[in-house]
C-alpha atoms as a PDB file:
ATOM      1  CA  MET A   1      -4.178   3.452 -27.159  1.00  0.00           C
ATOM      2  CA  ILE A   2      -4.384  -0.242 -27.944  1.00  0.00           C
ATOM      3  CA  ASN A   3      -7.704  -1.945 -27.321  1.00  0.00           C
ATOM      4  CA  VAL A   4      -6.975  -5.302 -25.698  1.00  0.00           C
ATOM      5  CA  SER A   5     -10.206  -6.810 -27.015  1.00  0.00           C
ATOM      6  CA  ASP A   6      -8.928  -6.352 -30.590  1.00  0.00           C
ATOM      7  CA  LEU A   7      -5.781  -8.374 -29.890  1.00  0.00           C
ATOM      8  CA  SER A   8      -5.382 -12.029 -30.711  1.00  0.00           C
ATOM      9  CA  PRO A   9      -5.502 -14.472 -27.790  1.00  0.00           C
ATOM     10  CA  ARG A  10      -1.724 -14.859 -28.001  1.00  0.00           C
ATOM     11  CA  LEU A  11      -1.146 -11.099 -27.725  1.00  0.00           C
ATOM     12  CA  ARG A  12      -3.659 -10.912 -24.857  1.00  0.00           C
ATOM     13  CA  SER A  13      -1.579 -13.510 -23.062  1.00  0.00           C
ATOM     14  CA  VAL A  14       1.557 -11.434 -23.654  1.00  0.00           C
ATOM     15  CA  ALA A  15      -0.266  -8.336 -22.345  1.00  0.00           C
ATOM     16  CA  ASN A  16      -1.404 -10.304 -19.276  1.00  0.00           C
ATOM     17  CA  TRP A  17       2.157 -11.436 -18.549  1.00  0.00           C
ATOM     18  CA  GLY A  18       3.283  -7.830 -18.958  1.00  0.00           C
ATOM     19  CA  VAL A  19       0.745  -6.689 -16.356  1.00  0.00           C
ATOM     20  CA  ILE A  20       1.752  -9.504 -14.001  1.00  0.00           C
ATOM     21  CA  ILE A  21       5.468  -8.724 -14.276  1.00  0.00           C
ATOM     22  CA  LEU A  22       4.909  -4.962 -13.982  1.00  0.00           C
ATOM     23  CA  SER A  23       2.752  -5.396 -10.863  1.00  0.00           C
ATOM     24  CA  ILE A  24       5.378  -7.648  -9.275  1.00  0.00           C
ATOM     25  CA  LEU A  25       8.110  -5.114 -10.067  1.00  0.00           C
ATOM     26  CA  ILE A  26       6.046  -2.352  -8.489  1.00  0.00           C
ATOM     27  CA  CYS A  27       5.584  -4.476  -5.346  1.00  0.00           C
ATOM     28  CA  LEU A  28       9.308  -5.246  -5.256  1.00  0.00           C
ATOM     29  CA  LEU A  29      10.138  -1.547  -5.557  1.00  0.00           C
ATOM     30  CA  MET A  30       7.664  -0.699  -2.793  1.00  0.00           C
ATOM     31  CA  LEU A  31       9.344  -3.066  -0.291  1.00  0.00           C
ATOM     32  CA  PRO A  32      12.268  -0.755   0.596  1.00  0.00           C
ATOM     33  CA  THR A  33      10.392   2.488  -0.139  1.00  0.00           C
ATOM     34  CA  ARG A  34       9.241   4.658   2.749  1.00  0.00           C
ATOM     35  CA  LEU A  35       6.241   6.602   1.476  1.00  0.00           C
ATOM     36  CA  PRO A  36       4.165   8.804   3.783  1.00  0.00           C
ATOM     37  CA  GLY A  37       1.095   6.955   4.993  1.00  0.00           C
ATOM     38  CA  THR A  38       2.516   3.521   4.308  1.00  0.00           C
ATOM     39  CA  GLU A  39       4.449   3.214   7.540  1.00  0.00           C
ATOM     40  CA  LEU A  40       3.380   2.737  11.152  1.00  0.00           C
ATOM     41  CA  PHE A  41       5.985   2.595  13.932  1.00  0.00           C
ATOM     42  CA  GLY A  42       8.656   1.948  11.312  1.00  0.00           C
ATOM     43  CA  ILE A  43       6.737  -1.039   9.908  1.00  0.00           C
ATOM     44  CA  ARG A  44       5.609  -1.167   6.289  1.00  0.00           C
ATOM     45  CA  PRO A  45       3.066  -3.290   4.426  1.00  0.00           C
ATOM     46  CA  ASN A  46       4.137  -6.637   3.074  1.00  0.00           C
ATOM     47  CA  TRP A  47       3.566  -5.827  -0.608  1.00  0.00           C
ATOM     48  CA  LEU A  48       4.635  -9.221  -1.933  1.00  0.00           C
ATOM     49  CA  LEU A  49       2.313 -11.027   0.475  1.00  0.00           C
ATOM     50  CA  ILE A  50      -0.542  -8.816  -0.758  1.00  0.00           C
ATOM     51  CA  TRP A  51       0.336  -9.736  -4.351  1.00  0.00           C
ATOM     52  CA  VAL A  52       0.465 -13.468  -3.544  1.00  0.00           C
ATOM     53  CA  VAL A  53      -2.977 -13.256  -1.897  1.00  0.00           C
ATOM     54  CA  ALA A  54      -4.399 -11.299  -4.855  1.00  0.00           C
ATOM     55  CA  TRP A  55      -3.009 -13.921  -7.240  1.00  0.00           C
ATOM     56  CA  SER A  56      -3.903 -17.026  -5.233  1.00  0.00           C
ATOM     57  CA  VAL A  57      -7.438 -16.138  -4.240  1.00  0.00           C
ATOM     58  CA  LYS A  58      -8.835 -17.335  -7.596  1.00  0.00           C
ATOM     59  CA  ARG A  59      -6.132 -19.815  -8.578  1.00  0.00           C
ATOM     60  CA  THR A  60      -5.261 -23.428  -7.872  1.00  0.00           C
ATOM     61  CA  VAL A  61      -3.142 -24.478  -4.916  1.00  0.00           C
ATOM     62  CA  PHE A  62      -0.247 -25.273  -7.252  1.00  0.00           C
ATOM     63  CA  GLN A  63      -0.384 -21.817  -8.878  1.00  0.00           C
ATOM     64  CA  GLY A  64      -0.529 -20.145  -5.457  1.00  0.00           C
ATOM     65  CA  ALA A  65       2.433 -22.188  -4.227  1.00  0.00           C
ATOM     66  CA  ILE A  66       4.534 -21.413  -7.300  1.00  0.00           C
ATOM     67  CA  ALA A  67       3.763 -17.681  -7.063  1.00  0.00           C
ATOM     68  CA  GLY A  68       4.635 -17.633  -3.357  1.00  0.00           C
ATOM     69  CA  LEU A  69       7.826 -19.610  -3.894  1.00  0.00           C
ATOM     70  CA  ALA A  70       8.983 -17.463  -6.812  1.00  0.00           C
ATOM     71  CA  LEU A  71       8.317 -14.155  -5.054  1.00  0.00           C
ATOM     72  CA  GLY A  72       9.826 -15.479  -1.823  1.00  0.00           C
ATOM     73  CA  LEU A  73      13.017 -16.451  -3.619  1.00  0.00           C
ATOM     74  CA  ILE A  74      13.180 -13.060  -5.341  1.00  0.00           C
ATOM     75  CA  TRP A  75      12.730 -11.359  -1.952  1.00  0.00           C
ATOM     76  CA  ASP A  76      15.422 -13.580  -0.442  1.00  0.00           C
ATOM     77  CA  GLY A  77      17.690 -12.518  -3.285  1.00  0.00           C
ATOM     78  CA  MET A  78      17.082  -8.863  -2.410  1.00  0.00           C
ATOM     79  CA  THR A  79      17.747  -9.378   1.304  1.00  0.00           C
ATOM     80  CA  ALA A  80      19.435 -11.965   3.471  1.00  0.00           C
ATOM     81  CA  SER A  81      18.387 -15.513   2.666  1.00  0.00           C
ATOM     82  CA  TYR A  82      17.766 -16.264   6.331  1.00  0.00           C
ATOM     83  CA  PRO A  83      15.046 -16.239   7.431  1.00  0.00           C
ATOM     84  CA  SER A  84      13.641 -17.305   4.092  1.00  0.00           C
ATOM     85  CA  HIS A  85      10.596 -15.488   2.783  1.00  0.00           C
ATOM     86  CA  ALA A  86      10.023 -18.333   0.326  1.00  0.00           C
ATOM     87  CA  LEU A  87       8.612 -20.610   3.030  1.00  0.00           C
ATOM     88  CA  SER A  88       6.091 -18.114   4.369  1.00  0.00           C
ATOM     89  CA  LEU A  89       4.945 -16.837   0.951  1.00  0.00           C
ATOM     90  CA  THR A  90       4.580 -20.396  -0.365  1.00  0.00           C
ATOM     91  CA  LEU A  91       2.348 -21.296   2.581  1.00  0.00           C
ATOM     92  CA  VAL A  92       0.381 -18.075   2.079  1.00  0.00           C
ATOM     93  CA  GLY A  93      -0.182 -18.970  -1.578  1.00  0.00           C
ATOM     94  CA  ILE A  94      -1.264 -22.512  -0.733  1.00  0.00           C
ATOM     95  CA  LEU A  95      -3.621 -21.552   2.090  1.00  0.00           C
ATOM     96  CA  THR A  96      -5.158 -18.633   0.202  1.00  0.00           C
ATOM     97  CA  ALA A  97      -5.894 -20.858  -2.796  1.00  0.00           C
ATOM     98  CA  ARG A  98      -7.375 -23.506  -0.501  1.00  0.00           C
ATOM     99  CA  LEU A  99      -9.829 -21.017   1.003  1.00  0.00           C
ATOM    100  CA  GLN A 100     -12.075 -21.434  -2.027  1.00  0.00           C
ATOM    101  CA  LYS A 101     -13.050 -17.822  -1.582  1.00  0.00           C
ATOM    102  CA  GLN A 102     -15.852 -17.992  -4.139  1.00  0.00           C
ATOM    103  CA  ARG A 103     -17.659 -20.584  -2.070  1.00  0.00           C
ATOM    104  CA  TYR A 104     -17.278 -19.157   1.439  1.00  0.00           C
ATOM    105  CA  ILE A 105     -16.512 -15.442   1.233  1.00  0.00           C
ATOM    106  CA  GLN A 106     -18.177 -12.666  -0.766  1.00  0.00           C
ATOM    107  CA  GLU A 107     -16.083 -10.824  -3.374  1.00  0.00           C
ATOM    108  CA  ASP A 108     -15.157  -7.497  -1.810  1.00  0.00           C
ATOM    109  CA  PHE A 109     -12.375  -5.474  -0.259  1.00  0.00           C
ATOM    110  CA  ILE A 110     -13.226  -6.513   3.277  1.00  0.00           C
ATOM    111  CA  SER A 111     -12.752 -10.214   2.578  1.00  0.00           C
ATOM    112  CA  ILE A 112      -9.417  -9.584   0.859  1.00  0.00           C
ATOM    113  CA  ALA A 113      -8.340  -7.350   3.750  1.00  0.00           C
ATOM    114  CA  LEU A 114      -9.259 -10.095   6.244  1.00  0.00           C
ATOM    115  CA  ILE A 115      -7.391 -12.739   4.263  1.00  0.00           C
ATOM    116  CA  VAL A 116      -4.313 -10.490   4.039  1.00  0.00           C
ATOM    117  CA  PHE A 117      -4.560  -9.729   7.779  1.00  0.00           C
ATOM    118  CA  GLY A 118      -4.582 -13.430   8.671  1.00  0.00           C
ATOM    119  CA  MET A 119      -1.899 -14.368   6.188  1.00  0.00           C
ATOM    120  CA  THR A 120       0.371 -11.568   7.422  1.00  0.00           C
ATOM    121  CA  ILE A 121       0.088 -12.919  10.961  1.00  0.00           C
ATOM    122  CA  LEU A 122       0.937 -16.394   9.642  1.00  0.00           C
ATOM    123  CA  ALA A 123       3.919 -15.133   7.616  1.00  0.00           C
ATOM    124  CA  GLN A 124       5.313 -13.098  10.533  1.00  0.00           C
ATOM    125  CA  THR A 125       4.949 -16.087  12.848  1.00  0.00           C
ATOM    126  CA  ILE A 126       6.812 -18.327  10.387  1.00  0.00           C
ATOM    127  CA  THR A 127       9.599 -15.739  10.254  1.00  0.00           C
ATOM    128  CA  ALA A 128       9.753 -15.613  14.059  1.00  0.00           C
ATOM    129  CA  LEU A 129       9.918 -19.418  14.193  1.00  0.00           C
ATOM    130  CA  GLN A 130      12.816 -19.397  11.739  1.00  0.00           C
ATOM    131  CA  TYR A 131      14.648 -16.875  13.932  1.00  0.00           C
ATOM    132  CA  SER A 132      14.048 -19.038  16.996  1.00  0.00           C
ATOM    133  CA  PHE A 133      15.479 -22.121  15.239  1.00  0.00           C
ATOM    134  CA  HIS A 134      18.548 -20.176  14.171  1.00  0.00           C
ATOM    135  CA  GLY A 135      19.390 -19.239  17.775  1.00  0.00           C
ATOM    136  CA  VAL A 136      20.934 -15.809  17.120  1.00  0.00           C
ATOM    137  CA  ARG A 137      18.796 -14.180  19.807  1.00  0.00           C
ATOM    138  CA  THR A 138      16.975 -15.501  22.833  1.00  0.00           C
ATOM    139  CA  LEU A 139      13.411 -16.717  22.490  1.00  0.00           C
ATOM    140  CA  GLU A 140      12.201 -13.935  24.762  1.00  0.00           C
ATOM    141  CA  GLU A 141      13.714 -11.278  22.476  1.00  0.00           C
ATOM    142  CA  ILE A 142      12.320 -12.903  19.353  1.00  0.00           C
ATOM    143  CA  TRP A 143       8.764 -13.228  20.657  1.00  0.00           C
ATOM    144  CA  ALA A 144       8.751  -9.763  22.267  1.00  0.00           C
ATOM    145  CA  ASN A 145       9.817  -8.301  18.923  1.00  0.00           C
ATOM    146  CA  HIS A 146       7.257 -10.512  17.152  1.00  0.00           C
ATOM    147  CA  GLN A 147       4.444  -9.144  19.301  1.00  0.00           C
ATOM    148  CA  GLN A 148       5.459  -5.565  18.506  1.00  0.00           C
ATOM    149  CA  ILE A 149       5.632  -6.184  14.755  1.00  0.00           C
ATOM    150  CA  ILE A 150       2.778  -8.559  14.019  1.00  0.00           C
ATOM    151  CA  PHE A 151      -0.325  -6.377  14.421  1.00  0.00           C
ATOM    152  CA  PRO A 152       0.960  -3.140  12.846  1.00  0.00           C
ATOM    153  CA  SER A 153       2.240  -5.208   9.917  1.00  0.00           C
ATOM    154  CA  ALA A 154      -1.039  -7.095   9.532  1.00  0.00           C
ATOM    155  CA  LEU A 155      -3.080  -3.898   9.877  1.00  0.00           C
ATOM    156  CA  LEU A 156      -1.047  -1.961   7.313  1.00  0.00           C
ATOM    157  CA  SER A 157      -0.936  -4.843   4.860  1.00  0.00           C
ATOM    158  CA  SER A 158      -4.681  -5.386   5.073  1.00  0.00           C
ATOM    159  CA  LEU A 159      -5.445  -1.675   4.682  1.00  0.00           C
ATOM    160  CA  TRP A 160      -3.211  -1.381   1.604  1.00  0.00           C
ATOM    161  CA  ALA A 161      -4.364  -4.687   0.052  1.00  0.00           C
ATOM    162  CA  PRO A 162      -7.061  -3.103  -2.173  1.00  0.00           C
ATOM    163  CA  VAL A 163      -4.416  -0.938  -3.856  1.00  0.00           C
ATOM    164  CA  ILE A 164      -2.877  -4.097  -5.333  1.00  0.00           C
ATOM    165  CA  TYR A 165      -5.918  -6.359  -5.456  1.00  0.00           C
ATOM    166  CA  TYR A 166      -8.490  -4.105  -7.115  1.00  0.00           C
ATOM    167  CA  PRO A 167      -6.651  -3.240 -10.360  1.00  0.00           C
ATOM    168  CA  LEU A 168      -5.295  -6.765 -10.789  1.00  0.00           C
ATOM    169  CA  ASN A 169      -8.684  -8.329 -10.137  1.00  0.00           C
ATOM    170  CA  ARG A 170     -10.381  -5.950 -12.590  1.00  0.00           C
ATOM    171  CA  TRP A 171      -7.767  -6.792 -15.250  1.00  0.00           C
ATOM    172  CA  TRP A 172      -8.158 -10.542 -14.777  1.00  0.00           C
ATOM    173  CA  GLN A 173     -11.975 -10.265 -14.834  1.00  0.00           C
ATOM    174  CA  TYR A 174     -11.739  -8.245 -18.057  1.00  0.00           C
ATOM    175  CA  LEU A 175      -9.529 -10.889 -19.675  1.00  0.00           C
ATOM    176  CA  HIS A 176     -11.864 -13.637 -18.467  1.00  0.00           C
ATOM    177  CA  ARG A 177     -14.868 -11.869 -20.056  1.00  0.00           C
ATOM    178  CA  LEU A 178     -12.940 -11.503 -23.322  1.00  0.00           C
ATOM    179  CA  GLU A 179     -12.136 -15.225 -23.316  1.00  0.00           C
ATOM    180  CA  GLN A 180     -15.782 -16.073 -22.596  1.00  0.00           C
ATOM    181  CA  SER A 181     -17.005 -13.960 -25.513  1.00  0.00           C
ATOM    182  CA  SER A 182     -14.463 -15.404 -27.962  1.00  0.00           C
END
């Protein structure tokens, strides 16, 4: 096995991009997958939102926005482009980065779960607003459906958030320590 600490900074960067791309691909593959324990009332976790929160929590607003926009556009490419996921994931990236988590919230699973819970509610509400502007269904139908989806989605996403956050956070902390010691 290759020891990452023995690699040059350039190869560490390549390894980091490999981990980032692999984790995004795993999240993309999990979106349509129905695994036991990951579904509640036919609703699944929002894996890409979890990834955007994990990325943005220790990044700049610009980096969070770009990650949200890129993953939202990829998701739109996998599904219908309306309602757009790019808008909600971009806002999630921006707001998560603006939280300045290090200053206000302790570093643990509970804080990440709470951030994901809140951001899932925001993202689902943005989606519902897009549906209401489109006018395909009545507002009553949209908001009744929204109320049925929002809390199971937020609960599942927040409960599954550590599965994505913990390994990525550990990897990025490891790389940060290597850079500090170099």
